[in-house]
């Protein structure tokens, strides 16, 4: 069942519906069984959403996330 068809989404228990309407959800499809993600797909997805390995973030980012 697709996420948008689930009660969890429709009732917005976790704020997913609101996040989706704001453009904050990105859906990806990959071949294979549930949670069997190819290493290349996983690595590409991490790079897309979290940046390349070893990326340094500025002081502003650390303050925003309460790390300083």
Protein backbone atom coordinates (compact mmCIF):
# COMPACT_ATOMS: atom_id res chain seq x y z
CA UNK A 1 0.00 0.00 0.00
CA UNK A 2 1.33 3.41 -0.92
CA UNK A 3 2.16 5.84 1.89
CA UNK A 4 -0.45 8.37 0.81
CA UNK A 5 -3.15 5.65 1.09
CA UNK A 6 -2.30 4.76 4.71
CA UNK A 7 -4.15 6.06 7.75
CA UNK A 8 -0.84 7.15 9.28
CA UNK A 9 -0.46 9.61 6.40
CA UNK A 10 -4.10 10.62 6.00
CA UNK A 11 -4.54 11.40 9.70
CA UNK A 12 -1.13 13.13 9.71
CA UNK A 13 -0.03 11.49 12.96
CA UNK A 14 3.64 12.22 12.32
CA UNK A 15 3.30 15.31 10.14
CA UNK A 16 4.10 13.40 6.94
CA UNK A 17 1.12 14.82 5.07
CA UNK A 18 2.10 18.36 6.02
CA UNK A 19 5.72 17.69 5.08
CA UNK A 20 4.59 16.22 1.74
CA UNK A 21 2.42 19.25 0.94
CA UNK A 22 5.43 21.48 1.65
CA UNK A 23 7.51 19.46 -0.85
CA UNK A 24 9.64 17.83 1.83
CA UNK A 25 9.03 14.17 0.95
CA UNK A 26 10.93 12.53 -1.88
CA UNK A 27 9.92 9.04 -2.98
CA UNK A 28 12.35 6.60 -4.57
CA UNK A 29 11.71 3.16 -6.01
CA UNK A 30 14.32 0.45 -6.27
CA UNK A 31 14.13 -3.17 -7.36
CA UNK A 32 14.19 -5.95 -4.78
CA UNK A 33 12.36 -7.04 -1.68
CA UNK A 34 11.47 -4.84 1.28
CA UNK A 35 14.60 -3.26 2.82
CA UNK A 36 16.94 -5.02 0.37
CA UNK A 37 18.66 -1.94 -1.00
CA UNK A 38 21.57 -2.23 -3.41
CA UNK A 39 24.76 -0.61 -2.05
CA UNK A 40 25.03 1.72 -5.04
CA UNK A 41 21.43 2.95 -4.63
CA UNK A 42 22.01 3.46 -0.90
CA UNK A 43 25.26 5.36 -1.48
CA UNK A 44 23.75 7.54 -4.21
CA UNK A 45 20.76 8.34 -2.00
CA UNK A 46 22.97 9.27 0.95
CA UNK A 47 25.06 11.55 -1.27
CA UNK A 48 21.93 13.20 -2.67
CA UNK A 49 20.37 13.97 0.70
CA UNK A 50 23.33 14.18 3.10
CA UNK A 51 26.21 15.28 0.89
CA UNK A 52 29.46 13.55 -0.02
CA UNK A 53 31.50 11.62 2.54
CA UNK A 54 33.74 13.94 4.50
CA UNK A 55 31.71 17.07 3.72
CA UNK A 56 32.26 19.76 6.32
CA UNK A 57 29.39 21.97 7.34
CA UNK A 58 29.79 25.59 8.38
CA UNK A 59 29.40 27.00 11.86
CA UNK A 60 25.85 28.13 11.01
CA UNK A 61 24.75 24.53 10.48
CA UNK A 62 26.21 23.42 13.80
CA UNK A 63 24.42 26.21 15.63
CA UNK A 64 21.14 25.39 13.90
CA UNK A 65 21.36 21.78 15.11
CA UNK A 66 22.47 22.75 18.63
CA UNK A 67 25.96 21.30 18.37
CA UNK A 68 27.83 24.41 19.56
